[in-house]
N, C-alpha and C. Protein backbone atom coordinates (compact mmCIF):
# COMPACT_ATOMS: atom_id res chain seq x y z
N MET A 1 70.50 127.23 96.40
CA MET A 1 70.73 125.90 96.16
C MET A 1 72.16 125.49 96.45
N ALA A 2 72.30 124.12 97.19
CA ALA A 2 73.35 123.60 97.51
C ALA A 2 74.26 123.15 96.42
N ASP A 3 75.66 123.37 96.60
CA ASP A 3 76.62 123.12 95.59
C ASP A 3 76.64 121.58 95.43
N THR A 4 76.90 121.21 94.15
CA THR A 4 76.98 119.78 93.79
C THR A 4 78.61 119.20 94.31
N ILE A 5 78.63 118.19 95.11
CA ILE A 5 79.84 117.71 95.52
C ILE A 5 80.17 116.66 94.71
N LEU A 6 79.32 115.81 94.11
CA LEU A 6 79.62 114.54 93.23
C LEU A 6 78.66 114.59 92.09
N SER A 7 79.45 114.45 90.97
CA SER A 7 78.48 114.40 89.62
C SER A 7 78.94 113.06 88.83
N VAL A 8 78.02 112.23 88.51
CA VAL A 8 78.23 111.13 87.84
C VAL A 8 77.44 110.97 86.47
N GLU A 9 78.20 110.85 85.56
CA GLU A 9 77.53 110.86 84.05
C GLU A 9 77.78 109.52 83.29
N GLY A 10 76.94 108.91 82.82
CA GLY A 10 77.22 107.77 81.81
C GLY A 10 77.85 106.71 82.55
N LEU A 11 77.89 106.36 83.88
CA LEU A 11 78.70 105.22 84.42
C LEU A 11 78.37 104.02 84.09
N SER A 12 79.20 103.24 83.48
CA SER A 12 78.99 101.94 82.79
C SER A 12 79.93 100.98 83.16
N LYS A 13 79.78 99.62 83.73
CA LYS A 13 80.59 98.74 83.81
C LYS A 13 80.10 97.29 83.41
N SER A 14 80.79 96.35 82.81
CA SER A 14 80.37 95.03 82.48
C SER A 14 81.52 93.95 83.04
N PHE A 15 81.08 92.90 83.39
CA PHE A 15 81.96 91.82 83.48
C PHE A 15 81.68 90.85 82.55
N GLY A 16 82.32 90.60 81.39
CA GLY A 16 81.96 89.80 80.29
C GLY A 16 80.78 90.34 79.55
N ALA A 17 79.68 89.32 79.59
CA ALA A 17 78.41 89.75 79.08
C ALA A 17 77.42 90.24 79.98
N ILE A 18 77.91 90.39 81.28
CA ILE A 18 76.95 90.93 82.26
C ILE A 18 77.09 92.31 82.60
N ARG A 19 76.03 93.05 82.41
CA ARG A 19 76.09 94.34 82.45
C ARG A 19 75.78 94.80 83.88
N VAL A 20 76.72 95.40 84.84
CA VAL A 20 76.23 95.56 86.18
C VAL A 20 75.94 97.01 86.47
N ALA A 21 76.33 97.87 85.56
CA ALA A 21 76.09 99.36 85.76
C ALA A 21 75.85 99.88 84.02
N GLU A 22 74.72 100.38 83.85
CA GLU A 22 74.51 100.82 82.59
C GLU A 22 74.03 102.31 82.45
N ASN A 23 74.85 103.16 82.13
CA ASN A 23 74.72 104.54 81.70
C ASN A 23 74.00 105.26 82.91
N ILE A 24 74.68 105.09 84.05
CA ILE A 24 74.00 105.63 85.33
C ILE A 24 74.46 107.14 85.67
N SER A 25 73.61 108.08 85.65
CA SER A 25 73.88 109.35 86.13
C SER A 25 73.15 109.87 87.28
N PHE A 26 73.89 110.66 87.95
CA PHE A 26 73.31 111.34 89.18
C PHE A 26 74.17 112.29 89.87
N SER A 27 73.80 113.05 90.62
CA SER A 27 74.42 114.00 91.34
C SER A 27 74.18 113.88 92.83
N VAL A 28 75.19 114.53 93.80
CA VAL A 28 74.90 114.44 95.20
C VAL A 28 75.21 115.95 95.45
N ASN A 29 74.15 116.74 96.39
CA ASN A 29 74.47 117.97 96.94
C ASN A 29 75.40 117.94 98.18
N GLU A 30 76.07 118.98 98.21
CA GLU A 30 76.97 118.93 99.48
C GLU A 30 76.08 119.16 100.64
N GLY A 31 76.48 118.13 101.75
CA GLY A 31 75.77 118.16 102.97
C GLY A 31 74.62 117.28 102.99
N GLU A 32 74.11 116.60 101.89
CA GLU A 32 72.94 115.78 102.14
C GLU A 32 73.35 114.30 102.36
N ILE A 33 72.31 113.67 102.57
CA ILE A 33 72.35 111.99 102.58
C ILE A 33 71.54 111.44 101.65
N LEU A 34 72.36 110.89 100.52
CA LEU A 34 71.52 110.26 99.38
C LEU A 34 71.78 108.80 99.61
N GLY A 35 70.52 108.00 99.63
CA GLY A 35 70.49 106.75 100.07
C GLY A 35 70.12 105.98 98.55
N ILE A 36 70.86 104.82 98.49
CA ILE A 36 70.83 103.96 97.32
C ILE A 36 70.15 102.52 97.65
N ILE A 37 68.85 102.21 96.99
CA ILE A 37 68.10 101.02 97.32
C ILE A 37 68.23 100.25 95.97
N GLY A 38 67.79 98.93 96.30
CA GLY A 38 67.81 97.96 94.96
C GLY A 38 67.69 96.56 95.58
N PRO A 39 67.22 95.60 94.72
CA PRO A 39 67.41 94.24 95.23
C PRO A 39 68.92 93.84 94.95
N ASN A 40 69.20 92.54 95.58
CA ASN A 40 70.44 92.13 95.30
C ASN A 40 70.80 91.80 93.88
N GLY A 41 71.97 92.33 93.54
CA GLY A 41 72.31 92.16 92.07
C GLY A 41 71.87 93.51 91.26
N ALA A 42 71.32 94.45 91.91
CA ALA A 42 71.12 95.70 91.26
C ALA A 42 72.18 96.60 90.69
N GLY A 43 73.37 96.45 91.44
CA GLY A 43 74.48 97.13 91.11
C GLY A 43 75.09 98.03 92.07
N LYS A 44 74.52 98.13 93.28
CA LYS A 44 74.61 99.10 94.28
C LYS A 44 76.26 99.13 94.66
N THR A 45 76.69 97.90 94.87
CA THR A 45 78.06 97.81 95.85
C THR A 45 79.00 98.00 94.38
N THR A 46 78.65 97.57 93.29
CA THR A 46 79.54 97.93 91.97
C THR A 46 79.75 99.37 91.78
N ILE A 47 78.71 100.21 91.90
CA ILE A 47 78.81 101.75 91.95
C ILE A 47 79.71 102.25 92.87
N PHE A 48 79.62 101.85 94.10
CA PHE A 48 80.48 102.15 94.97
C PHE A 48 82.06 101.96 94.76
N ALA A 49 82.21 100.60 94.45
CA ALA A 49 83.43 100.34 93.75
C ALA A 49 84.10 101.29 92.67
N LEU A 50 83.25 101.61 91.75
CA LEU A 50 83.68 102.47 90.65
C LEU A 50 83.80 103.82 91.31
N LEU A 51 83.03 104.35 92.21
CA LEU A 51 83.25 105.75 92.72
C LEU A 51 84.37 105.73 93.60
N ALA A 52 84.66 104.76 94.24
CA ALA A 52 85.92 104.71 95.05
C ALA A 52 87.24 104.60 94.41
N GLY A 53 87.12 104.04 93.41
CA GLY A 53 88.37 103.73 92.46
C GLY A 53 88.80 102.26 92.71
N ASN A 54 88.03 101.45 93.19
CA ASN A 54 88.23 99.93 93.58
C ASN A 54 88.35 99.13 92.31
N LEU A 55 87.29 99.70 91.37
CA LEU A 55 87.09 99.10 90.07
C LEU A 55 87.30 100.08 88.86
N PRO A 56 87.87 99.74 87.71
CA PRO A 56 87.91 100.90 86.73
C PRO A 56 86.61 100.71 85.97
N MET A 57 86.12 101.87 85.58
CA MET A 57 85.07 101.83 84.74
C MET A 57 84.98 101.79 83.31
N ASP A 58 84.05 101.13 82.62
CA ASP A 58 84.27 101.04 81.11
C ASP A 58 83.87 102.31 80.35
N ALA A 59 83.17 103.06 80.88
CA ALA A 59 82.71 104.34 80.38
C ALA A 59 82.04 105.45 81.44
N GLY A 60 82.06 106.64 81.14
CA GLY A 60 81.56 107.58 82.14
C GLY A 60 82.50 108.53 82.67
N GLN A 61 82.07 109.55 83.48
CA GLN A 61 82.88 110.38 84.00
C GLN A 61 82.37 110.63 85.51
N ILE A 62 83.39 110.68 86.42
CA ILE A 62 82.92 111.04 87.89
C ILE A 62 83.68 112.28 88.20
N VAL A 63 82.98 113.27 88.61
CA VAL A 63 83.60 114.62 88.79
C VAL A 63 83.29 114.94 90.40
N PHE A 64 84.29 115.04 91.26
CA PHE A 64 84.24 115.20 92.71
C PHE A 64 84.87 116.36 93.03
N ARG A 65 84.05 117.35 93.78
CA ARG A 65 84.54 118.63 94.18
C ARG A 65 85.10 119.37 93.03
N GLY A 66 84.62 119.31 91.82
CA GLY A 66 84.94 120.16 90.76
C GLY A 66 86.02 119.44 89.96
N LYS A 67 86.58 118.35 90.38
CA LYS A 67 87.68 117.70 89.78
C LYS A 67 87.32 116.33 88.95
N ASP A 68 87.66 116.21 87.97
CA ASP A 68 87.39 114.82 87.20
C ASP A 68 88.46 113.82 87.83
N ILE A 69 87.81 112.77 88.53
CA ILE A 69 88.58 111.76 89.07
C ILE A 69 88.53 110.38 88.48
N SER A 70 87.97 110.34 87.18
CA SER A 70 87.72 109.30 86.64
C SER A 70 88.79 108.02 86.39
N ILE A 71 89.99 108.85 86.52
CA ILE A 71 91.13 107.76 86.17
C ILE A 71 92.04 107.60 87.56
N LEU A 72 91.58 108.37 88.43
CA LEU A 72 92.50 108.32 89.71
C LEU A 72 92.34 107.10 90.44
N LEU A 73 93.49 106.72 90.93
CA LEU A 73 93.43 105.46 91.82
C LEU A 73 92.72 105.79 93.04
N ALA A 74 92.37 104.82 93.80
CA ALA A 74 91.74 104.70 95.38
C ALA A 74 92.18 105.67 96.16
N PHE A 75 93.54 105.50 96.29
CA PHE A 75 94.34 106.44 97.35
C PHE A 75 94.14 107.78 96.97
N GLU A 76 94.27 107.94 95.81
CA GLU A 76 94.28 109.42 95.34
C GLU A 76 92.83 110.01 95.60
N ARG A 77 91.75 109.37 95.36
CA ARG A 77 90.43 109.82 95.70
C ARG A 77 90.35 110.01 97.33
N ALA A 78 90.94 108.97 98.05
CA ALA A 78 90.82 109.22 99.56
C ALA A 78 91.59 110.52 100.04
N ARG A 79 92.56 110.81 99.42
CA ARG A 79 93.36 112.16 99.68
C ARG A 79 92.65 113.22 99.32
N LEU A 80 91.86 113.16 98.43
CA LEU A 80 90.84 114.27 97.90
C LEU A 80 89.57 114.50 98.92
N GLY A 81 89.40 113.33 99.60
CA GLY A 81 88.13 113.51 100.60
C GLY A 81 87.31 112.66 100.45
N MET A 82 87.35 111.48 99.76
CA MET A 82 86.23 110.42 99.54
C MET A 82 86.69 109.28 100.23
N SER A 83 85.79 108.81 101.06
CA SER A 83 86.03 107.49 101.98
C SER A 83 84.84 106.55 101.97
N ARG A 84 85.23 105.28 101.70
CA ARG A 84 84.39 104.17 101.76
C ARG A 84 84.33 103.42 102.89
N ILE A 85 83.24 103.20 103.32
CA ILE A 85 82.88 102.26 104.58
C ILE A 85 82.31 100.84 103.97
N TYR A 86 83.09 99.76 104.34
CA TYR A 86 82.61 98.54 103.74
C TYR A 86 81.51 97.69 104.75
N GLN A 87 80.72 96.94 104.06
CA GLN A 87 79.66 96.16 104.87
C GLN A 87 80.60 95.21 105.63
N VAL A 88 81.52 94.65 105.40
CA VAL A 88 82.21 93.66 106.39
C VAL A 88 83.59 94.49 106.73
N PRO A 89 83.46 94.79 108.10
CA PRO A 89 84.69 95.68 108.33
C PRO A 89 85.95 94.47 108.48
N LYS A 90 86.95 95.31 108.00
CA LYS A 90 88.21 94.39 107.92
C LYS A 90 89.41 95.23 108.36
N PRO A 91 89.64 95.47 109.88
CA PRO A 91 90.33 96.16 110.15
C PRO A 91 91.72 95.43 110.35
N PHE A 92 92.97 96.20 110.95
CA PHE A 92 94.18 95.59 111.00
C PHE A 92 93.85 94.89 112.51
N SER A 93 93.50 93.64 112.52
CA SER A 93 93.01 93.08 113.88
C SER A 93 94.08 92.93 114.84
N HIS A 94 95.41 92.75 114.53
CA HIS A 94 96.48 92.78 115.59
C HIS A 94 96.88 94.14 116.07
N MET A 95 96.25 95.17 115.66
CA MET A 95 96.34 96.45 115.97
C MET A 95 95.42 97.08 116.86
N THR A 96 95.69 98.09 117.64
CA THR A 96 94.68 98.78 118.58
C THR A 96 93.71 99.54 117.67
N VAL A 97 92.69 99.81 118.30
CA VAL A 97 91.66 100.74 117.61
C VAL A 97 92.34 102.10 117.39
N TYR A 98 92.99 102.56 118.30
CA TYR A 98 93.87 103.86 118.09
C TYR A 98 94.78 103.72 116.85
N ASP A 99 95.56 102.72 116.73
CA ASP A 99 96.58 102.57 115.89
C ASP A 99 95.90 102.47 114.54
N ASN A 100 94.78 101.78 114.51
CA ASN A 100 94.16 101.68 113.12
C ASN A 100 93.64 103.09 112.61
N LEU A 101 93.13 103.95 113.48
CA LEU A 101 92.93 105.15 113.12
C LEU A 101 93.97 105.93 112.70
N LYS A 102 95.15 105.93 113.56
CA LYS A 102 96.19 106.50 113.13
C LYS A 102 96.79 106.28 111.71
N VAL A 103 96.76 104.88 111.19
CA VAL A 103 97.04 104.58 110.01
C VAL A 103 96.19 105.17 108.92
N ALA A 104 94.77 105.29 109.15
CA ALA A 104 93.92 105.93 108.22
C ALA A 104 94.23 107.40 108.17
N ALA A 105 94.47 108.04 109.29
CA ALA A 105 94.73 109.44 109.33
C ALA A 105 96.10 110.05 108.38
N MET A 106 97.12 109.14 108.77
CA MET A 106 98.40 109.34 108.25
C MET A 106 98.42 108.99 106.58
N PHE A 107 97.94 107.90 106.36
CA PHE A 107 98.12 107.29 105.02
C PHE A 107 96.83 107.65 104.04
N GLY A 108 95.71 107.58 104.61
CA GLY A 108 94.52 108.18 104.01
C GLY A 108 94.28 109.71 104.01
N GLY A 109 94.51 110.29 105.14
CA GLY A 109 94.18 111.78 105.41
C GLY A 109 95.29 112.48 105.00
N GLY A 110 96.59 112.05 105.00
CA GLY A 110 97.83 112.87 104.84
C GLY A 110 98.29 113.49 105.85
N LEU A 111 97.84 113.23 107.22
CA LEU A 111 98.23 114.05 108.27
C LEU A 111 99.74 113.64 108.81
N GLU A 112 100.42 114.50 109.32
CA GLU A 112 101.75 114.24 110.13
C GLU A 112 101.42 113.48 111.39
N GLU A 113 102.44 112.65 111.84
CA GLU A 113 102.19 111.87 113.17
C GLU A 113 101.88 112.66 114.25
N VAL A 114 102.55 114.10 114.39
CA VAL A 114 102.25 114.96 115.42
C VAL A 114 100.99 115.60 115.62
N GLU A 115 100.16 115.46 114.37
CA GLU A 115 98.70 115.97 114.29
C GLU A 115 97.75 115.00 114.57
N CYS A 116 98.21 113.51 114.67
CA CYS A 116 97.09 112.72 114.76
C CYS A 116 96.38 112.61 116.16
N GLU A 117 97.07 112.63 117.29
CA GLU A 117 96.73 112.65 118.84
C GLU A 117 95.33 113.42 118.84
N GLY A 118 95.38 114.76 118.68
CA GLY A 118 94.22 115.34 118.82
C GLY A 118 93.00 115.07 117.98
N TRP A 119 93.28 114.82 116.59
CA TRP A 119 92.44 114.62 115.56
C TRP A 119 91.49 113.25 115.94
N ILE A 120 92.53 112.36 116.19
CA ILE A 120 92.07 110.90 116.42
C ILE A 120 91.08 110.84 117.67
N GLY A 121 91.44 111.79 118.85
CA GLY A 121 90.69 111.89 119.98
C GLY A 121 89.28 112.41 119.60
N GLN A 122 89.09 113.27 118.68
CA GLN A 122 87.86 113.77 118.37
C GLN A 122 87.01 112.92 117.59
N VAL A 123 87.65 112.05 116.83
CA VAL A 123 86.88 111.07 116.02
C VAL A 123 86.35 109.97 117.11
N LEU A 124 87.16 109.49 117.97
CA LEU A 124 86.86 108.44 118.88
C LEU A 124 85.62 108.99 119.80
N ASP A 125 85.61 110.25 120.31
CA ASP A 125 84.50 110.86 120.87
C ASP A 125 83.35 110.74 120.23
N LEU A 126 83.57 111.27 118.90
CA LEU A 126 82.20 111.25 117.96
C LEU A 126 81.61 109.98 117.72
N THR A 127 82.31 109.14 117.62
CA THR A 127 81.75 107.58 117.42
C THR A 127 81.57 106.43 118.39
N GLY A 128 81.84 107.30 119.65
CA GLY A 128 81.75 106.52 120.91
C GLY A 128 82.64 105.35 121.17
N MET A 129 83.80 105.59 120.69
CA MET A 129 84.82 104.54 120.79
C MET A 129 85.95 104.97 121.64
N THR A 130 86.03 105.99 122.36
CA THR A 130 87.17 106.37 123.07
C THR A 130 87.46 105.31 124.29
N ALA A 131 86.51 104.75 124.93
CA ALA A 131 86.77 103.50 125.86
C ALA A 131 87.40 102.39 125.38
N ALA A 132 87.31 102.11 123.97
CA ALA A 132 87.88 101.18 123.48
C ALA A 132 89.12 101.42 122.54
N ARG A 133 89.84 102.58 122.69
CA ARG A 133 90.83 103.31 122.06
C ARG A 133 92.21 102.23 121.89
N ASN A 134 92.43 101.39 123.04
CA ASN A 134 93.41 100.47 123.36
C ASN A 134 93.12 99.15 123.17
N THR A 135 91.96 98.78 122.63
CA THR A 135 91.25 97.51 122.57
C THR A 135 92.06 97.10 121.08
N LEU A 136 92.42 95.76 121.11
CA LEU A 136 92.92 95.20 119.69
C LEU A 136 91.66 95.12 118.89
N ALA A 137 91.55 95.51 117.69
CA ALA A 137 90.53 95.75 116.75
C ALA A 137 89.87 94.33 116.56
N GLY A 138 90.66 93.33 116.48
CA GLY A 138 89.99 92.11 116.19
C GLY A 138 89.18 91.43 117.29
N ARG A 139 89.27 92.13 118.62
CA ARG A 139 88.54 91.65 119.55
C ARG A 139 87.08 92.51 119.85
N LEU A 140 86.93 93.37 118.96
CA LEU A 140 85.66 94.11 119.11
C LEU A 140 84.48 93.39 118.80
N PRO A 141 83.29 93.56 119.50
CA PRO A 141 82.12 92.97 118.96
C PRO A 141 81.63 93.60 117.82
N LEU A 142 80.26 93.11 117.21
CA LEU A 142 80.01 93.53 115.95
C LEU A 142 79.41 95.01 115.94
N LEU A 143 78.89 95.51 116.84
CA LEU A 143 78.54 96.96 116.96
C LEU A 143 79.80 97.77 117.08
N LEU A 144 80.57 97.33 117.86
CA LEU A 144 82.01 98.24 117.87
C LEU A 144 82.90 98.10 116.65
N ARG A 145 82.79 96.92 116.15
CA ARG A 145 83.40 96.72 114.70
C ARG A 145 82.92 97.67 113.59
N LYS A 146 81.57 97.86 113.70
CA LYS A 146 81.05 98.67 112.83
C LYS A 146 81.33 100.10 113.11
N ARG A 147 81.19 100.64 114.55
CA ARG A 147 81.57 101.96 114.78
C ARG A 147 83.00 102.35 114.30
N HIS A 148 83.89 101.21 114.60
CA HIS A 148 85.39 101.25 114.28
C HIS A 148 85.53 101.46 112.90
N GLU A 149 84.85 100.97 112.00
CA GLU A 149 85.02 101.01 110.60
C GLU A 149 84.52 102.48 110.33
N LEU A 150 83.60 102.88 110.87
CA LEU A 150 83.07 104.34 110.66
C LEU A 150 84.31 105.19 110.94
N ALA A 151 84.74 105.16 112.38
CA ALA A 151 85.79 105.85 112.78
C ALA A 151 86.98 105.89 111.78
N ARG A 152 87.45 104.91 111.34
CA ARG A 152 88.63 104.72 110.60
C ARG A 152 88.36 105.37 109.20
N SER A 153 87.28 105.48 108.78
CA SER A 153 86.84 106.51 107.58
C SER A 153 86.85 107.85 107.90
N LEU A 154 86.20 108.30 109.11
CA LEU A 154 86.13 109.66 109.37
C LEU A 154 87.79 110.17 109.82
N ALA A 155 88.66 109.19 110.22
CA ALA A 155 89.97 109.54 110.53
C ALA A 155 90.86 110.21 109.25
N THR A 156 90.31 109.67 107.97
CA THR A 156 90.94 110.25 106.83
C THR A 156 90.48 111.73 106.44
N ARG A 157 89.61 112.27 107.24
CA ARG A 157 89.12 113.64 107.06
C ARG A 157 88.15 113.76 105.88
N PRO A 158 87.28 113.05 105.63
CA PRO A 158 86.56 112.97 104.46
C PRO A 158 85.57 114.21 104.28
N SER A 159 85.16 114.60 102.96
CA SER A 159 84.00 115.33 102.87
C SER A 159 82.99 114.56 102.26
N LEU A 160 83.11 113.38 101.83
CA LEU A 160 82.16 112.61 101.24
C LEU A 160 82.31 110.99 101.66
N LEU A 161 81.22 110.54 102.42
CA LEU A 161 81.36 109.14 102.77
C LEU A 161 80.38 108.16 102.02
N LEU A 162 80.95 107.15 101.64
CA LEU A 162 80.38 106.10 100.96
C LEU A 162 80.09 105.05 102.06
N ILE A 163 78.81 104.88 102.41
CA ILE A 163 78.53 103.75 103.43
C ILE A 163 77.80 102.55 102.84
N ASP A 164 78.27 101.46 103.22
CA ASP A 164 77.93 100.14 102.51
C ASP A 164 77.34 99.24 103.54
N GLU A 165 75.84 99.31 103.73
CA GLU A 165 75.04 98.47 104.58
C GLU A 165 75.79 98.20 105.97
N VAL A 166 76.01 99.41 106.56
CA VAL A 166 76.38 99.36 107.93
C VAL A 166 75.40 98.87 109.02
N ALA A 167 74.08 98.71 108.63
CA ALA A 167 73.07 98.44 109.65
C ALA A 167 73.02 96.79 109.56
N ALA A 168 73.60 96.23 108.70
CA ALA A 168 73.25 94.89 108.49
C ALA A 168 73.91 94.06 109.81
N GLY A 169 72.85 93.30 110.23
CA GLY A 169 73.18 92.56 111.44
C GLY A 169 72.92 93.19 112.87
N LEU A 170 72.50 94.42 112.74
CA LEU A 170 72.20 95.20 114.09
C LEU A 170 70.74 95.04 114.51
N THR A 171 70.52 95.17 115.75
CA THR A 171 69.45 95.21 116.41
C THR A 171 68.77 96.61 115.99
N ASP A 172 67.24 96.64 116.33
CA ASP A 172 66.68 97.83 115.92
C ASP A 172 67.22 98.93 116.89
N MET A 173 67.39 98.70 118.10
CA MET A 173 68.06 99.72 118.85
C MET A 173 69.33 100.36 118.36
N GLU A 174 70.27 99.26 117.93
CA GLU A 174 71.59 99.63 117.35
C GLU A 174 71.39 100.31 116.03
N VAL A 175 70.43 99.98 115.26
CA VAL A 175 70.25 100.87 114.12
C VAL A 175 69.94 102.16 114.37
N ASP A 176 69.07 102.58 115.34
CA ASP A 176 68.60 103.87 115.81
C ASP A 176 69.79 104.43 116.07
N GLU A 177 70.81 103.89 116.86
CA GLU A 177 71.98 104.76 117.23
C GLU A 177 72.82 105.02 115.98
N PHE A 178 72.92 104.28 115.30
CA PHE A 178 73.78 104.60 113.94
C PHE A 178 73.03 105.64 113.14
N ILE A 179 71.61 105.63 113.03
CA ILE A 179 71.05 106.61 112.32
C ILE A 179 71.33 108.04 112.94
N ALA A 180 71.26 107.97 114.41
CA ALA A 180 71.77 109.30 115.06
C ALA A 180 73.10 109.68 114.66
N LEU A 181 74.00 108.78 114.89
CA LEU A 181 75.38 109.09 114.59
C LEU A 181 75.71 109.33 113.13
N ILE A 182 74.98 109.08 112.27
CA ILE A 182 75.26 109.55 110.82
C ILE A 182 74.67 110.95 110.64
N LYS A 183 73.50 111.08 111.27
CA LYS A 183 72.85 112.42 111.13
C LYS A 183 73.78 113.49 111.78
N GLU A 184 74.56 113.13 113.07
CA GLU A 184 75.41 114.01 113.69
C GLU A 184 76.45 114.37 112.56
N ILE A 185 77.06 113.33 112.02
CA ILE A 185 78.27 113.45 110.97
C ILE A 185 77.90 114.32 109.91
N GLN A 186 76.66 114.41 109.41
CA GLN A 186 75.90 115.03 108.36
C GLN A 186 75.82 116.46 108.95
N LEU A 187 75.70 116.97 110.10
CA LEU A 187 75.54 118.13 110.67
C LEU A 187 76.89 118.76 110.96
N SER A 188 77.98 117.86 110.84
CA SER A 188 79.33 118.29 111.01
C SER A 188 79.76 118.94 109.44
N GLY A 189 79.07 118.51 108.32
CA GLY A 189 79.44 119.12 107.27
C GLY A 189 79.81 118.03 106.15
N ILE A 190 79.84 116.73 106.56
CA ILE A 190 80.19 115.70 105.74
C ILE A 190 78.91 115.04 105.00
N THR A 191 79.07 114.88 103.53
CA THR A 191 78.07 114.58 102.68
C THR A 191 78.14 112.87 102.79
N VAL A 192 76.95 112.20 102.66
CA VAL A 192 76.91 110.73 102.76
C VAL A 192 76.14 110.16 101.61
N VAL A 193 76.78 109.17 100.99
CA VAL A 193 75.93 108.22 100.09
C VAL A 193 75.99 106.83 100.82
N TRP A 194 74.70 106.48 101.02
CA TRP A 194 74.34 105.12 101.91
C TRP A 194 73.85 104.06 101.13
N ILE A 195 74.24 102.95 101.08
CA ILE A 195 73.37 101.72 100.36
C ILE A 195 73.03 101.17 101.73
N GLU A 196 71.74 100.57 101.73
CA GLU A 196 71.28 100.03 102.85
C GLU A 196 70.04 99.16 102.35
N HIS A 197 69.74 98.03 102.88
CA HIS A 197 68.63 97.10 102.82
C HIS A 197 67.65 97.24 103.67
N VAL A 198 68.03 97.85 105.05
CA VAL A 198 67.16 98.33 106.09
C VAL A 198 66.37 99.49 105.66
N MET A 199 65.00 99.28 105.37
CA MET A 199 64.30 100.37 104.73
C MET A 199 63.88 101.44 105.82
N LYS A 200 63.94 101.05 107.04
CA LYS A 200 63.65 101.95 108.17
C LYS A 200 64.79 103.03 108.13
N THR A 201 66.10 102.76 108.03
CA THR A 201 67.17 103.51 107.80
C THR A 201 67.05 104.45 106.59
N MET A 202 66.60 103.86 105.53
CA MET A 202 66.59 104.76 104.23
C MET A 202 65.39 105.78 104.14
N MET A 203 64.20 105.40 104.82
CA MET A 203 63.15 106.31 104.95
C MET A 203 63.32 107.42 105.95
N THR A 204 64.10 107.11 107.19
CA THR A 204 64.19 108.10 108.06
C THR A 204 65.57 108.80 108.15
N ALA A 205 66.52 108.47 107.44
CA ALA A 205 67.97 109.04 107.46
C ALA A 205 68.16 109.68 106.29
N THR A 206 67.62 109.55 105.18
CA THR A 206 68.16 110.07 103.98
C THR A 206 67.25 111.28 103.31
N ASP A 207 67.94 112.08 102.77
CA ASP A 207 67.32 113.18 102.12
C ASP A 207 66.51 112.87 100.86
N ARG A 208 67.32 112.12 100.05
CA ARG A 208 66.74 111.45 98.62
C ARG A 208 67.25 110.06 98.60
N LEU A 209 66.54 109.42 97.72
CA LEU A 209 66.69 108.02 97.47
C LEU A 209 66.95 107.97 96.01
N MET A 210 67.86 107.04 95.55
CA MET A 210 68.01 106.56 94.17
C MET A 210 67.84 105.03 94.30
N ALA A 211 66.75 104.54 93.34
CA ALA A 211 66.51 103.13 93.35
C ALA A 211 67.07 102.46 91.98
N LEU A 212 67.83 101.38 92.27
CA LEU A 212 68.34 100.81 91.22
C LEU A 212 67.82 99.42 90.91
N ALA A 213 67.84 98.97 89.76
CA ALA A 213 67.44 97.58 89.24
C ALA A 213 68.21 97.20 87.94
N GLY A 214 68.61 96.15 87.85
CA GLY A 214 69.49 95.51 86.72
C GLY A 214 70.45 96.54 86.34
N GLY A 215 71.00 97.19 87.15
CA GLY A 215 72.34 98.18 86.65
C GLY A 215 71.78 99.38 86.19
N LYS A 216 70.61 99.67 86.44
CA LYS A 216 69.91 101.01 85.92
C LYS A 216 69.31 101.84 86.95
N VAL A 217 69.17 103.21 86.79
CA VAL A 217 68.56 103.95 87.73
C VAL A 217 66.98 103.96 87.38
N ILE A 218 66.09 103.55 88.20
CA ILE A 218 64.78 103.34 87.84
C ILE A 218 63.87 104.49 88.76
N ALA A 219 64.49 105.23 89.74
CA ALA A 219 63.57 106.36 90.34
C ALA A 219 64.65 107.13 91.37
N MET A 220 64.34 108.36 91.35
CA MET A 220 65.33 109.32 92.03
C MET A 220 64.22 110.38 92.77
N GLY A 221 64.38 110.63 93.97
CA GLY A 221 63.51 111.65 94.68
C GLY A 221 63.59 111.89 96.02
N THR A 222 62.53 112.07 96.76
CA THR A 222 62.55 111.93 98.14
C THR A 222 62.15 110.40 98.42
N PRO A 223 62.47 109.92 99.85
CA PRO A 223 62.31 108.53 100.09
C PRO A 223 60.68 108.35 99.86
N GLN A 224 59.69 109.08 100.05
CA GLN A 224 58.26 108.99 100.01
C GLN A 224 57.92 108.84 98.33
N GLU A 225 58.71 109.61 97.82
CA GLU A 225 58.20 109.84 96.21
C GLU A 225 58.87 108.44 95.64
N VAL A 226 60.12 108.01 95.97
CA VAL A 226 60.63 106.84 95.35
C VAL A 226 59.63 105.71 95.67
N MET A 227 59.49 105.40 96.97
CA MET A 227 58.78 104.27 97.35
C MET A 227 57.37 104.14 96.95
N ALA A 228 56.96 105.18 96.44
CA ALA A 228 55.45 105.43 95.96
C ALA A 228 55.30 104.95 94.48
N THR A 229 56.50 104.83 93.70
CA THR A 229 56.59 104.65 92.25
C THR A 229 56.25 103.29 91.99
N ASP A 230 55.48 103.02 91.07
CA ASP A 230 55.10 101.65 90.60
C ASP A 230 56.12 100.75 90.24
N GLU A 231 57.07 101.49 89.66
CA GLU A 231 58.34 100.48 89.25
C GLU A 231 59.09 100.09 90.44
N VAL A 232 59.37 100.89 91.35
CA VAL A 232 60.10 100.48 92.61
C VAL A 232 59.15 99.37 93.39
N ARG A 233 58.02 99.64 93.45
CA ARG A 233 57.17 98.41 94.02
C ARG A 233 57.10 97.32 93.40
N ARG A 234 57.18 97.53 92.08
CA ARG A 234 57.24 96.19 91.28
C ARG A 234 58.69 95.37 91.56
N VAL A 235 59.69 96.13 91.42
CA VAL A 235 60.99 95.56 91.21
C VAL A 235 61.69 95.26 92.56
N TYR A 236 61.52 96.31 93.44
CA TYR A 236 61.99 96.13 94.71
C TYR A 236 61.24 95.43 95.75
N LEU A 237 59.97 95.79 95.74
CA LEU A 237 58.99 95.23 96.91
C LEU A 237 58.23 93.99 96.37
N GLY A 238 58.24 93.64 95.19
CA GLY A 238 57.50 92.60 94.57
C GLY A 238 56.04 92.93 94.30
N ALA A 239 55.71 94.11 94.51
CA ALA A 239 54.02 94.53 94.59
C ALA A 239 53.81 94.69 92.92
């Protein structure tokens, strides 16, 4: 059996009277891709913010690589190997692609400046961004902005990637390219937790799915098992 890289128990969060995450528990196995689905307002992005340390939780425990990180700050979690990719990329627009990755490698990954060149070169090759290394990040088209966002996260040398709707706005062909890229990243030994509304992505790229609704887990299993449950069909697909 694979080792558990991330374990979440009783994760809860409210904004006033609105409960956005209620007693959520799940685990992620090392080397797998876990997809998270659910309608708008289900609590998906809030869970990512809680996992990454961007929001404090009201209750619960998060254990990452055997360490309780529940009270750690976001940069501390990044240094331990957790990296988050945002749905809307926000690079340092006035800096080149290379310099964006250098900042990520040094401040997120803890690399010394002399270590950066070789490592960043590998990341650029993997993500198909080598030809754009000297381009200002603010001038990249949508597909390359998303690849750049992924490259910045990889530059921190993560063992766990949290990917938030990277397929949004892409064509079918571009989605296929991203699926292939994420699969290649998985083969390199990186674990992935992926939020996505593009069901093609969730059905073909993930090992397991977790379905949310109203801040609660309503199903967990293989993509086929989850999509076949009556509750998911009713809540997520309207069936």
